[in-house]
Amino acid sequence: MRTLEVRRHSLTKKGSTREAGSLLSGEGVSRERQLSVELHAISYVVTGPDRRHLETAIAIGFVVDAMIEWPSGYIPAVIEHHDQWCWERPFERYAHLLRTHSPLR
């Protein structure tokens, strides 16, 4: 059976240290190293184009097979940046918006 595992990037540095060296924080790297023990074998790894995506995969211990561009899912006046963090039921609301807003689809 094939499985698709989707992960968000790990914890990043904040403030003035964000752009110095790695984008991931020490805690972010530690969490991903712990996760690597729990994950089963992964045969193909794809990340987004951001450095934090690549760094997360490497911290877990993966070799990245491909980096691809994908849409952000944010559209002005429909879904603003990080709106979903305030929604009570974000997956249900996003599904509704996908059905009713053709630009988002």
PDB file of N, CA and C in Angstrom:
ATOM      1  N   MET A   1       0.840  -1.187   0.000  1.00  0.00           N
ATOM      2  CA  MET A   1       0.000   0.000   0.000  1.00  0.00           C
ATOM      3  C   MET A   1       0.882   1.248   0.000  1.00  0.00           C
ATOM      4  N   ARG A   2       0.511   2.220  -0.774  1.00  0.00           N
ATOM      5  CA  ARG A   2       1.231   3.479  -0.814  1.00  0.00           C
ATOM      6  C   ARG A   2       0.649   4.442   0.213  1.00  0.00           C
ATOM      7  N   THR A   3       1.524   5.253   0.789  1.00  0.00           N
ATOM      8  CA  THR A   3       1.112   6.223   1.788  1.00  0.00           C
ATOM      9  C   THR A   3       1.710   7.574   1.431  1.00  0.00           C
ATOM     10  N   LEU A   4       0.920   8.607   1.590  1.00  0.00           N
ATOM     11  CA  LEU A   4       1.398   9.972   1.407  1.00  0.00           C
ATOM     12  C   LEU A   4       1.518  10.602   2.781  1.00  0.00           C
ATOM     13  N   GLU A   5       2.698  11.028   3.127  1.00  0.00           N
ATOM     14  CA  GLU A   5       2.959  11.676   4.421  1.00  0.00           C
ATOM     15  C   GLU A   5       3.173  13.159   4.130  1.00  0.00           C
ATOM     16  N   VAL A   6       2.382  14.024   4.748  1.00  0.00           N
ATOM     17  CA  VAL A   6       2.497  15.467   4.539  1.00  0.00           C
ATOM     18  C   VAL A   6       2.921  16.099   5.856  1.00  0.00           C
ATOM     19  N   ARG A   7       3.982  16.863   5.811  1.00  0.00           N
ATOM     20  CA  ARG A   7       4.506  17.528   7.011  1.00  0.00           C
ATOM     21  C   ARG A   7       4.702  18.998   6.734  1.00  0.00           C
ATOM     22  N   ARG A   8       4.466  19.803   7.725  1.00  0.00           N
ATOM     23  CA  ARG A   8       4.776  21.231   7.650  1.00  0.00           C
ATOM     24  C   ARG A   8       6.213  21.409   8.129  1.00  0.00           C
ATOM     25  N   HIS A   9       6.853  22.484   7.687  1.00  0.00           N
ATOM     26  CA  HIS A   9       8.227  22.733   8.126  1.00  0.00           C
ATOM     27  C   HIS A   9       8.298  22.828   9.642  1.00  0.00           C
ATOM     28  N   SER A  10       9.472  22.617  10.170  1.00  0.00           N
ATOM     29  CA  SER A  10       9.659  22.627  11.620  1.00  0.00           C
ATOM     30  C   SER A  10       9.722  24.056  12.161  1.00  0.00           C
ATOM     31  N   LEU A  11       9.944  24.159  13.456  1.00  0.00           N
ATOM     32  CA  LEU A  11      10.018  25.456  14.130  1.00  0.00           C
ATOM     33  C   LEU A  11      11.200  26.265  13.597  1.00  0.00           C
ATOM     34  N   THR A  12      10.964  27.533  13.357  1.00  0.00           N
ATOM     35  CA  THR A  12      12.001  28.402  12.804  1.00  0.00           C
ATOM     36  C   THR A  12      12.490  29.400  13.841  1.00  0.00           C
ATOM     37  N   LYS A  13      13.643  29.983  13.547  1.00  0.00           N
ATOM     38  CA  LYS A  13      14.175  31.057  14.389  1.00  0.00           C
ATOM     39  C   LYS A  13      13.272  32.275  14.266  1.00  0.00           C
ATOM     40  N   LYS A  14      13.309  33.119  15.258  1.00  0.00           N
ATOM     41  CA  LYS A  14      12.517  34.353  15.257  1.00  0.00           C
ATOM     42  C   LYS A  14      13.445  35.553  15.398  1.00  0.00           C
ATOM     43  N   GLY A  15      12.951  36.694  15.018  1.00  0.00           N
ATOM     44  CA  GLY A  15      13.683  37.941  15.219  1.00  0.00           C
ATOM     45  C   GLY A  15      14.934  38.065  14.381  1.00  0.00           C
ATOM     46  N   SER A  16      15.925  38.743  14.936  1.00  0.00           N
ATOM     47  CA  SER A  16      17.138  39.091  14.179  1.00  0.00           C
ATOM     48  C   SER A  16      17.994  37.883  13.820  1.00  0.00           C
ATOM     49  N   THR A  17      17.813  36.753  14.501  1.00  0.00           N
ATOM     50  CA  THR A  17      18.627  35.562  14.205  1.00  0.00           C
ATOM     51  C   THR A  17      18.049  34.725  13.059  1.00  0.00           C
ATOM     52  N   ARG A  18      16.860  35.082  12.587  1.00  0.00           N
ATOM     53  CA  ARG A  18      16.170  34.260  11.583  1.00  0.00           C
ATOM     54  C   ARG A  18      17.012  34.003  10.337  1.00  0.00           C
ATOM     55  N   GLU A  19      17.659  34.994   9.808  1.00  0.00           N
ATOM     56  CA  GLU A  19      18.395  34.826   8.556  1.00  0.00           C
ATOM     57  C   GLU A  19      19.858  34.446   8.764  1.00  0.00           C
ATOM     58  N   ALA A  20      20.272  34.206   9.988  1.00  0.00           N
ATOM     59  CA  ALA A  20      21.661  33.832  10.254  1.00  0.00           C
ATOM     60  C   ALA A  20      21.785  32.315  10.226  1.00  0.00           C
ATOM     61  N   GLY A  21      22.492  31.780   9.260  1.00  0.00           N
ATOM     62  CA  GLY A  21      22.659  30.328   9.153  1.00  0.00           C
ATOM     63  C   GLY A  21      21.358  29.644   8.797  1.00  0.00           C
ATOM     64  N   SER A  22      21.035  28.589   9.543  1.00  0.00           N
ATOM     65  CA  SER A  22      19.810  27.828   9.311  1.00  0.00           C
ATOM     66  C   SER A  22      18.585  28.668   9.654  1.00  0.00           C
ATOM     67  N   LEU A  23      17.480  28.410   8.976  1.00  0.00           N
ATOM     68  CA  LEU A  23      16.220  29.055   9.334  1.00  0.00           C
ATOM     69  C   LEU A  23      15.537  28.331  10.483  1.00  0.00           C
ATOM     70  N   LEU A  24      15.839  27.040  10.659  1.00  0.00           N
ATOM     71  CA  LEU A  24      15.224  26.287  11.743  1.00  0.00           C
ATOM     72  C   LEU A  24      15.877  26.647  13.075  1.00  0.00           C
ATOM     73  N   SER A  25      15.065  26.631  14.123  1.00  0.00           N
ATOM     74  CA  SER A  25      15.606  26.849  15.464  1.00  0.00           C
ATOM     75  C   SER A  25      16.221  25.541  15.958  1.00  0.00           C
ATOM     76  N   GLY A  26      17.014  25.626  17.019  1.00  0.00           N
ATOM     77  CA  GLY A  26      17.581  24.417  17.613  1.00  0.00           C
ATOM     78  C   GLY A  26      16.491  23.455  18.055  1.00  0.00           C
ATOM     79  N   GLU A  27      15.404  23.996  18.619  1.00  0.00           N
ATOM     80  CA  GLU A  27      14.283  23.157  19.039  1.00  0.00           C
ATOM     81  C   GLU A  27      13.637  22.475  17.833  1.00  0.00           C
ATOM     82  N   GLY A  28      13.536  23.214  16.723  1.00  0.00           N
ATOM     83  CA  GLY A  28      12.959  22.648  15.507  1.00  0.00           C
ATOM     84  C   GLY A  28      13.770  21.472  14.990  1.00  0.00           C
ATOM     85  N   VAL A  29      15.086  21.613  14.968  1.00  0.00           N
ATOM     86  CA  VAL A  29      15.959  20.525  14.516  1.00  0.00           C
ATOM     87  C   VAL A  29      15.842  19.338  15.466  1.00  0.00           C
ATOM     88  N   SER A  30      15.832  19.585  16.769  1.00  0.00           N
ATOM     89  CA  SER A  30      15.707  18.501  17.758  1.00  0.00           C
ATOM     90  C   SER A  30      14.405  17.726  17.576  1.00  0.00           C
ATOM     91  N   ARG A  31      13.313  18.437  17.355  1.00  0.00           N
ATOM     92  CA  ARG A  31      12.015  17.769  17.155  1.00  0.00           C
ATOM     93  C   ARG A  31      12.044  16.871  15.926  1.00  0.00           C
ATOM     94  N   GLU A  32      12.650  17.362  14.851  1.00  0.00           N
ATOM     95  CA  GLU A  32      12.687  16.566  13.619  1.00  0.00           C
ATOM     96  C   GLU A  32      13.581  15.344  13.791  1.00  0.00           C
ATOM     97  N   ARG A  33      14.652  15.471  14.531  1.00  0.00           N
ATOM     98  CA  ARG A  33      15.517  14.308  14.791  1.00  0.00           C
ATOM     99  C   ARG A  33      14.764  13.255  15.595  1.00  0.00           C
ATOM    100  N   GLN A  34      13.949  13.670  16.568  1.00  0.00           N
ATOM    101  CA  GLN A  34      13.120  12.728  17.328  1.00  0.00           C
ATOM    102  C   GLN A  34      12.110  12.048  16.405  1.00  0.00           C
ATOM    103  N   LEU A  35      11.513  12.832  15.514  1.00  0.00           N
ATOM    104  CA  LEU A  35      10.520  12.311  14.583  1.00  0.00           C
ATOM    105  C   LEU A  35      11.127  11.242  13.677  1.00  0.00           C
ATOM    106  N   SER A  36      12.374  11.413  13.307  1.00  0.00           N
ATOM    107  CA  SER A  36      13.011  10.481  12.376  1.00  0.00           C
ATOM    108  C   SER A  36      13.015   9.052  12.912  1.00  0.00           C
ATOM    109  N   VAL A  37      13.032   8.895  14.220  1.00  0.00           N
ATOM    110  CA  VAL A  37      13.029   7.567  14.837  1.00  0.00           C
ATOM    111  C   VAL A  37      11.651   6.908  14.679  1.00  0.00           C
ATOM    112  N   GLU A  38      10.601   7.722  14.647  1.00  0.00           N
ATOM    113  CA  GLU A  38       9.231   7.209  14.600  1.00  0.00           C
ATOM    114  C   GLU A  38       8.732   6.919  13.187  1.00  0.00           C
ATOM    115  N   LEU A  39       9.317   7.545  12.174  1.00  0.00           N
ATOM    116  CA  LEU A  39       8.818   7.399  10.808  1.00  0.00           C
ATOM    117  C   LEU A  39       9.291   6.105  10.169  1.00  0.00           C
ATOM    118  N   HIS A  40       8.438   5.561   9.316  1.00  0.00           N
ATOM    119  CA  HIS A  40       8.825   4.393   8.532  1.00  0.00           C
ATOM    120  C   HIS A  40       9.680   4.832   7.353  1.00  0.00           C
ATOM    121  N   ALA A  41      10.174   3.900   6.595  1.00  0.00           N
ATOM    122  CA  ALA A  41      11.014   4.219   5.437  1.00  0.00           C
ATOM    123  C   ALA A  41      10.221   5.043   4.423  1.00  0.00           C
ATOM    124  N   ILE A  42      10.832   6.058   3.902  1.00  0.00           N
ATOM    125  CA  ILE A  42      10.220   6.927   2.900  1.00  0.00           C
ATOM    126  C   ILE A  42      10.998   6.733   1.601  1.00  0.00           C
ATOM    127  N   SER A  43      10.277   6.493   0.504  1.00  0.00           N
ATOM    128  CA  SER A  43      10.969   6.187  -0.743  1.00  0.00           C
ATOM    129  C   SER A  43      11.180   7.405  -1.636  1.00  0.00           C
ATOM    130  N   TYR A  44      10.401   8.467  -1.450  1.00  0.00           N
ATOM    131  CA  TYR A  44      10.543   9.642  -2.314  1.00  0.00           C
ATOM    132  C   TYR A  44      10.144  10.867  -1.504  1.00  0.00           C
ATOM    133  N   VAL A  45      11.010  11.880  -1.460  1.00  0.00           N
ATOM    134  CA  VAL A  45      10.760  13.075  -0.654  1.00  0.00           C
ATOM    135  C   VAL A  45      10.711  14.300  -1.560  1.00  0.00           C
ATOM    136  N   VAL A  46       9.639  15.060  -1.436  1.00  0.00           N
ATOM    137  CA  VAL A  46       9.445  16.301  -2.185  1.00  0.00           C
ATOM    138  C   VAL A  46       9.254  17.423  -1.180  1.00  0.00           C
ATOM    139  N   THR A  47       9.925  18.542  -1.402  1.00  0.00           N
ATOM    140  CA  THR A  47       9.721  19.710  -0.549  1.00  0.00           C
ATOM    141  C   THR A  47       9.312  20.895  -1.406  1.00  0.00           C
ATOM    142  N   GLY A  48       8.846  21.922  -0.726  1.00  0.00           N
ATOM    143  CA  GLY A  48       8.597  23.189  -1.389  1.00  0.00           C
ATOM    144  C   GLY A  48       9.921  23.899  -1.617  1.00  0.00           C
ATOM    145  N   PRO A  49       9.868  25.087  -2.210  1.00  0.00           N
ATOM    146  CA  PRO A  49      11.081  25.791  -2.596  1.00  0.00           C
ATOM    147  C   PRO A  49      11.765  26.555  -1.462  1.00  0.00           C
ATOM    148  N   ASP A  50      11.109  26.702  -0.325  1.00  0.00           N
ATOM    149  CA  ASP A  50      11.697  27.489   0.757  1.00  0.00           C
ATOM    150  C   ASP A  50      12.799  26.725   1.481  1.00  0.00           C
ATOM    151  N   ARG A  51      13.804  27.446   1.918  1.00  0.00           N
ATOM    152  CA  ARG A  51      14.938  26.836   2.614  1.00  0.00           C
ATOM    153  C   ARG A  51      14.505  26.058   3.850  1.00  0.00           C
ATOM    154  N   ARG A  52      13.499  26.564   4.575  1.00  0.00           N
ATOM    155  CA  ARG A  52      13.050  25.876   5.787  1.00  0.00           C
ATOM    156  C   ARG A  52      12.439  24.513   5.458  1.00  0.00           C
ATOM    157  N   HIS A  53      11.868  24.362   4.275  1.00  0.00           N
ATOM    158  CA  HIS A  53      11.323  23.066   3.857  1.00  0.00           C
ATOM    159  C   HIS A  53      12.455  22.059   3.675  1.00  0.00           C
ATOM    160  N   LEU A  54      13.477  22.467   2.971  1.00  0.00           N
ATOM    161  CA  LEU A  54      14.638  21.602   2.728  1.00  0.00           C
ATOM    162  C   LEU A  54      15.331  21.257   4.048  1.00  0.00           C
ATOM    163  N   GLU A  55      15.532  22.253   4.897  1.00  0.00           N
ATOM    164  CA  GLU A  55      16.198  22.029   6.179  1.00  0.00           C
ATOM    165  C   GLU A  55      15.415  21.053   7.059  1.00  0.00           C
ATOM    166  N   THR A  56      14.091  21.120   7.009  1.00  0.00           N
ATOM    167  CA  THR A  56      13.271  20.200   7.798  1.00  0.00           C
ATOM    168  C   THR A  56      13.479  18.766   7.334  1.00  0.00           C
ATOM    169  N   ALA A  57      13.436  18.551   6.027  1.00  0.00           N
ATOM    170  CA  ALA A  57      13.642  17.195   5.487  1.00  0.00           C
ATOM    171  C   ALA A  57      15.016  16.659   5.865  1.00  0.00           C
ATOM    172  N   ILE A  58      16.022  17.486   5.763  1.00  0.00           N
ATOM    173  CA  ILE A  58      17.384  17.057   6.101  1.00  0.00           C
ATOM    174  C   ILE A  58      17.509  16.766   7.596  1.00  0.00           C
ATOM    175  N   ALA A  59      16.877  17.590   8.437  1.00  0.00           N
ATOM    176  CA  ALA A  59      16.925  17.363   9.890  1.00  0.00           C
ATOM    177  C   ALA A  59      16.272  16.028  10.263  1.00  0.00           C
ATOM    178  N   ILE A  60      15.236  15.634   9.522  1.00  0.00           N
ATOM    179  CA  ILE A  60      14.601  14.342   9.769  1.00  0.00           C
ATOM    180  C   ILE A  60      15.528  13.214   9.328  1.00  0.00           C
ATOM    181  N   GLY A  61      16.409  13.522   8.381  1.00  0.00           N
ATOM    182  CA  GLY A  61      17.339  12.508   7.887  1.00  0.00           C
ATOM    183  C   GLY A  61      17.025  12.046   6.480  1.00  0.00           C
ATOM    184  N   PHE A  62      16.216  12.818   5.749  1.00  0.00           N
ATOM    185  CA  PHE A  62      15.829  12.449   4.395  1.00  0.00           C
ATOM    186  C   PHE A  62      16.739  13.074   3.353  1.00  0.00           C
ATOM    187  N   VAL A  63      16.894  12.382   2.265  1.00  0.00           N
ATOM    188  CA  VAL A  63      17.484  12.946   1.060  1.00  0.00           C
ATOM    189  C   VAL A  63      16.314  13.503   0.255  1.00  0.00           C
ATOM    190  N   VAL A  64      16.403  14.723  -0.215  1.00  0.00           N
ATOM    191  CA  VAL A  64      15.317  15.346  -0.957  1.00  0.00           C
ATOM    192  C   VAL A  64      15.451  14.980  -2.429  1.00  0.00           C
ATOM    193  N   ASP A  65      14.399  14.371  -2.984  1.00  0.00           N
ATOM    194  CA  ASP A  65      14.395  13.945  -4.378  1.00  0.00           C
ATOM    195  C   ASP A  65      13.986  15.063  -5.329  1.00  0.00           C
ATOM    196  N   ALA A  66      13.123  15.968  -4.870  1.00  0.00           N
ATOM    197  CA  ALA A  66      12.657  17.048  -5.734  1.00  0.00           C
ATOM    198  C   ALA A  66      12.167  18.207  -4.883  1.00  0.00           C
ATOM    199  N   MET A  67      12.292  19.406  -5.458  1.00  0.00           N
ATOM    200  CA  MET A  67      11.729  20.609  -4.851  1.00  0.00           C
ATOM    201  C   MET A  67      10.764  21.197  -5.872  1.00  0.00           C
ATOM    202  N   ILE A  68       9.534  21.480  -5.459  1.00  0.00           N
ATOM    203  CA  ILE A  68       8.531  21.978  -6.392  1.00  0.00           C
ATOM    204  C   ILE A  68       7.858  23.235  -5.853  1.00  0.00           C
ATOM    205  N   GLU A  69       7.354  24.033  -6.751  1.00  0.00           N
ATOM    206  CA  GLU A  69       6.544  25.207  -6.404  1.00  0.00           C
ATOM    207  C   GLU A  69       5.105  24.736  -6.241  1.00  0.00           C
ATOM    208  N   TRP A  70       4.395  25.270  -5.273  1.00  0.00           N
ATOM    209  CA  TRP A  70       2.967  25.014  -5.167  1.00  0.00           C
ATOM    210  C   TRP A  70       2.291  26.278  -4.694  1.00  0.00           C
ATOM    211  N   PRO A  71       1.007  26.420  -4.977  1.00  0.00           N
ATOM    212  CA  PRO A  71       0.309  27.649  -4.578  1.00  0.00           C
ATOM    213  C   PRO A  71       0.198  27.755  -3.065  1.00  0.00           C
ATOM    214  N   SER A  72       0.140  28.966  -2.573  1.00  0.00           N
ATOM    215  CA  SER A  72       0.089  29.200  -1.130  1.00  0.00           C
ATOM    216  C   SER A  72      -1.269  28.885  -0.531  1.00  0.00           C
ATOM    217  N   GLY A  73      -2.329  28.990  -1.326  1.00  0.00           N
ATOM    218  CA  GLY A  73      -3.676  28.811  -0.793  1.00  0.00           C
ATOM    219  C   GLY A  73      -4.272  30.086  -0.244  1.00  0.00           C
ATOM    220  N   TYR A  74      -3.549  31.200  -0.353  1.00  0.00           N
ATOM    221  CA  TYR A  74      -4.054  32.484   0.125  1.00  0.00           C
ATOM    222  C   TYR A  74      -4.489  33.326  -1.058  1.00  0.00           C
ATOM    223  N   ILE A  75      -5.681  33.908  -0.940  1.00  0.00           N
ATOM    224  CA  ILE A  75      -6.209  34.795  -1.975  1.00  0.00           C
ATOM    225  C   ILE A  75      -6.794  36.008  -1.264  1.00  0.00           C
ATOM    226  N   PRO A  76      -6.328  37.216  -1.610  1.00  0.00           N
ATOM    227  CA  PRO A  76      -6.854  38.417  -0.963  1.00  0.00           C
ATOM    228  C   PRO A  76      -8.381  38.468  -0.997  1.00  0.00           C
ATOM    229  N   ALA A  77      -8.976  38.851   0.112  1.00  0.00           N
ATOM    230  CA  ALA A  77     -10.421  38.979   0.310  1.00  0.00           C
ATOM    231  C   ALA A  77     -11.141  37.634   0.392  1.00  0.00           C
ATOM    232  N   VAL A  78     -10.422  36.521   0.239  1.00  0.00           N
ATOM    233  CA  VAL A  78     -11.013  35.189   0.422  1.00  0.00           C
ATOM    234  C   VAL A  78     -10.348  34.520   1.619  1.00  0.00           C
ATOM    235  N   ILE A  79      -9.044  34.302   1.520  1.00  0.00           N
ATOM    236  CA  ILE A  79      -8.246  33.773   2.625  1.00  0.00           C
ATOM    237  C   ILE A  79      -6.971  34.603   2.693  1.00  0.00           C
ATOM    238  N   GLU A  80      -6.873  35.415   3.707  1.00  0.00           N
ATOM    239  CA  GLU A  80      -5.668  36.212   3.902  1.00  0.00           C
ATOM    240  C   GLU A  80      -4.603  35.345   4.575  1.00  0.00           C
ATOM    241  N   HIS A  81      -3.394  35.815   4.565  1.00  0.00           N
ATOM    242  CA  HIS A  81      -2.268  35.068   5.121  1.00  0.00           C
ATOM    243  C   HIS A  81      -2.529  34.662   6.574  1.00  0.00           C
ATOM    244  N   HIS A  82      -2.498  33.373   6.848  1.00  0.00           N
ATOM    245  CA  HIS A  82      -2.678  32.764   8.166  1.00  0.00           C
ATOM    246  C   HIS A  82      -4.073  32.935   8.770  1.00  0.00           C
ATOM    247  N   ASP A  83      -5.073  33.289   7.978  1.00  0.00           N
ATOM    248  CA  ASP A  83      -6.456  33.360   8.479  1.00  0.00           C
ATOM    249  C   ASP A  83      -6.878  32.062   9.141  1.00  0.00           C
ATOM    250  N   GLN A  84      -6.487  30.940   8.552  1.00  0.00           N
ATOM    251  CA  GLN A  84      -6.948  29.633   9.023  1.00  0.00           C
ATOM    252  C   GLN A  84      -6.535  29.340  10.464  1.00  0.00           C
ATOM    253  N   TRP A  85      -5.542  30.031  10.969  1.00  0.00           N
ATOM    254  CA  TRP A  85      -5.104  29.807  12.345  1.00  0.00           C
ATOM    255  C   TRP A  85      -6.156  30.261  13.357  1.00  0.00           C
ATOM    256  N   CYS A  86      -7.073  31.127  12.926  1.00  0.00           N
ATOM    257  CA  CYS A  86      -8.110  31.647  13.817  1.00  0.00           C
ATOM    258  C   CYS A  86      -9.456  30.947  13.618  1.00  0.00           C
ATOM    259  N   TRP A  87      -9.572  30.097  12.617  1.00  0.00           N
ATOM    260  CA  TRP A  87     -10.844  29.433  12.336  1.00  0.00           C
ATOM    261  C   TRP A  87     -11.108  28.325  13.339  1.00  0.00           C
ATOM    262  N   GLU A  88     -12.380  28.176  13.742  1.00  0.00           N
ATOM    263  CA  GLU A  88     -12.743  27.126  14.689  1.00  0.00           C
ATOM    264  C   GLU A  88     -12.574  25.732  14.072  1.00  0.00           C
ATOM    265  N   ARG A  89     -13.000  25.573  12.841  1.00  0.00           N
ATOM    266  CA  ARG A  89     -12.879  24.286  12.129  1.00  0.00           C
ATOM    267  C   ARG A  89     -12.207  24.538  10.788  1.00  0.00           C
ATOM    268  N   PRO A  90     -10.882  24.691  10.778  1.00  0.00           N
ATOM    269  CA  PRO A  90     -10.190  25.137   9.574  1.00  0.00           C
ATOM    270  C   PRO A  90     -10.342  24.215   8.361  1.00  0.00           C
ATOM    271  N   PHE A  91     -10.339  22.901   8.552  1.00  0.00           N
ATOM    272  CA  PHE A  91     -10.443  22.010   7.398  1.00  0.00           C
ATOM    273  C   PHE A  91     -11.828  22.062   6.770  1.00  0.00           C
ATOM    274  N   GLU A  92     -12.851  22.148   7.606  1.00  0.00           N
ATOM    275  CA  GLU A  92     -14.215  22.264   7.094  1.00  0.00           C
ATOM    276  C   GLU A  92     -14.411  23.584   6.367  1.00  0.00           C
ATOM    277  N   ARG A  93     -13.922  24.644   6.941  1.00  0.00           N
ATOM    278  CA  ARG A  93     -14.076  25.959   6.305  1.00  0.00           C
ATOM    279  C   ARG A  93     -13.304  26.026   5.001  1.00  0.00           C
ATOM    280  N   TYR A  94     -12.098  25.493   4.989  1.00  0.00           N
ATOM    281  CA  TYR A  94     -11.303  25.510   3.757  1.00  0.00           C
ATOM    282  C   TYR A  94     -11.988  24.681   2.679  1.00  0.00           C
ATOM    283  N   ALA A  95     -12.550  23.528   3.041  1.00  0.00           N
ATOM    284  CA  ALA A  95     -13.274  22.690   2.077  1.00  0.00           C
ATOM    285  C   ALA A  95     -14.452  23.458   1.493  1.00  0.00           C
ATOM    286  N   HIS A  96     -15.185  24.179   2.345  1.00  0.00           N
ATOM    287  CA  HIS A  96     -16.312  24.991   1.859  1.00  0.00           C
ATOM    288  C   HIS A  96     -15.824  26.072   0.880  1.00  0.00           C
ATOM    289  N   LEU A  97     -14.736  26.748   1.251  1.00  0.00           N
ATOM    290  CA  LEU A  97     -14.199  27.790   0.374  1.00  0.00           C
ATOM    291  C   LEU A  97     -13.730  27.213  -0.961  1.00  0.00           C
ATOM    292  N   LEU A  98     -13.169  26.029  -0.937  1.00  0.00           N
ATOM    293  CA  LEU A  98     -12.750  25.386  -2.192  1.00  0.00           C
ATOM    294  C   LEU A  98     -13.946  25.106  -3.096  1.00  0.00           C
ATOM    295  N   ARG A  99     -15.063  24.730  -2.490  1.00  0.00           N
ATOM    296  CA  ARG A  99     -16.274  24.445  -3.285  1.00  0.00           C
ATOM    297  C   ARG A  99     -16.911  25.709  -3.836  1.00  0.00           C
ATOM    298  N   THR A 100     -16.788  26.835  -3.128  1.00  0.00           N
ATOM    299  CA  THR A 100     -17.563  28.026  -3.485  1.00  0.00           C
ATOM    300  C   THR A 100     -16.765  29.155  -4.125  1.00  0.00           C
ATOM    301  N   HIS A 101     -15.450  29.093  -4.147  1.00  0.00           N
ATOM    302  CA  HIS A 101     -14.624  30.175  -4.713  1.00  0.00           C
ATOM    303  C   HIS A 101     -13.719  29.613  -5.821  1.00  0.00           C
ATOM    304  N   SER A 102     -14.145  29.809  -7.043  1.00  0.00           N
ATOM    305  CA  SER A 102     -13.381  29.236  -8.164  1.00  0.00           C
ATOM    306  C   SER A 102     -11.941  29.714  -8.230  1.00  0.00           C
ATOM    307  N   PRO A 103     -11.601  30.959  -7.874  1.00  0.00           N
ATOM    308  CA  PRO A 103     -10.178  31.340  -7.920  1.00  0.00           C
ATOM    309  C   PRO A 103      -9.319  30.501  -6.970  1.00  0.00           C
ATOM    310  N   LEU A 104      -9.879  30.094  -5.851  1.00  0.00           N
ATOM    311  CA  LEU A 104      -9.140  29.288  -4.895  1.00  0.00           C
ATOM    312  C   LEU A 104      -8.914  27.880  -5.438  1.00  0.00           C
ATOM    313  N   ARG A 105      -9.912  27.335  -6.144  1.00  0.00           N
ATOM    314  CA  ARG A 105      -9.761  26.001  -6.726  1.00  0.00           C
ATOM    315  C   ARG A 105      -8.639  25.984  -7.719  1.00  0.00           C
TER     316      ARG A 105
END
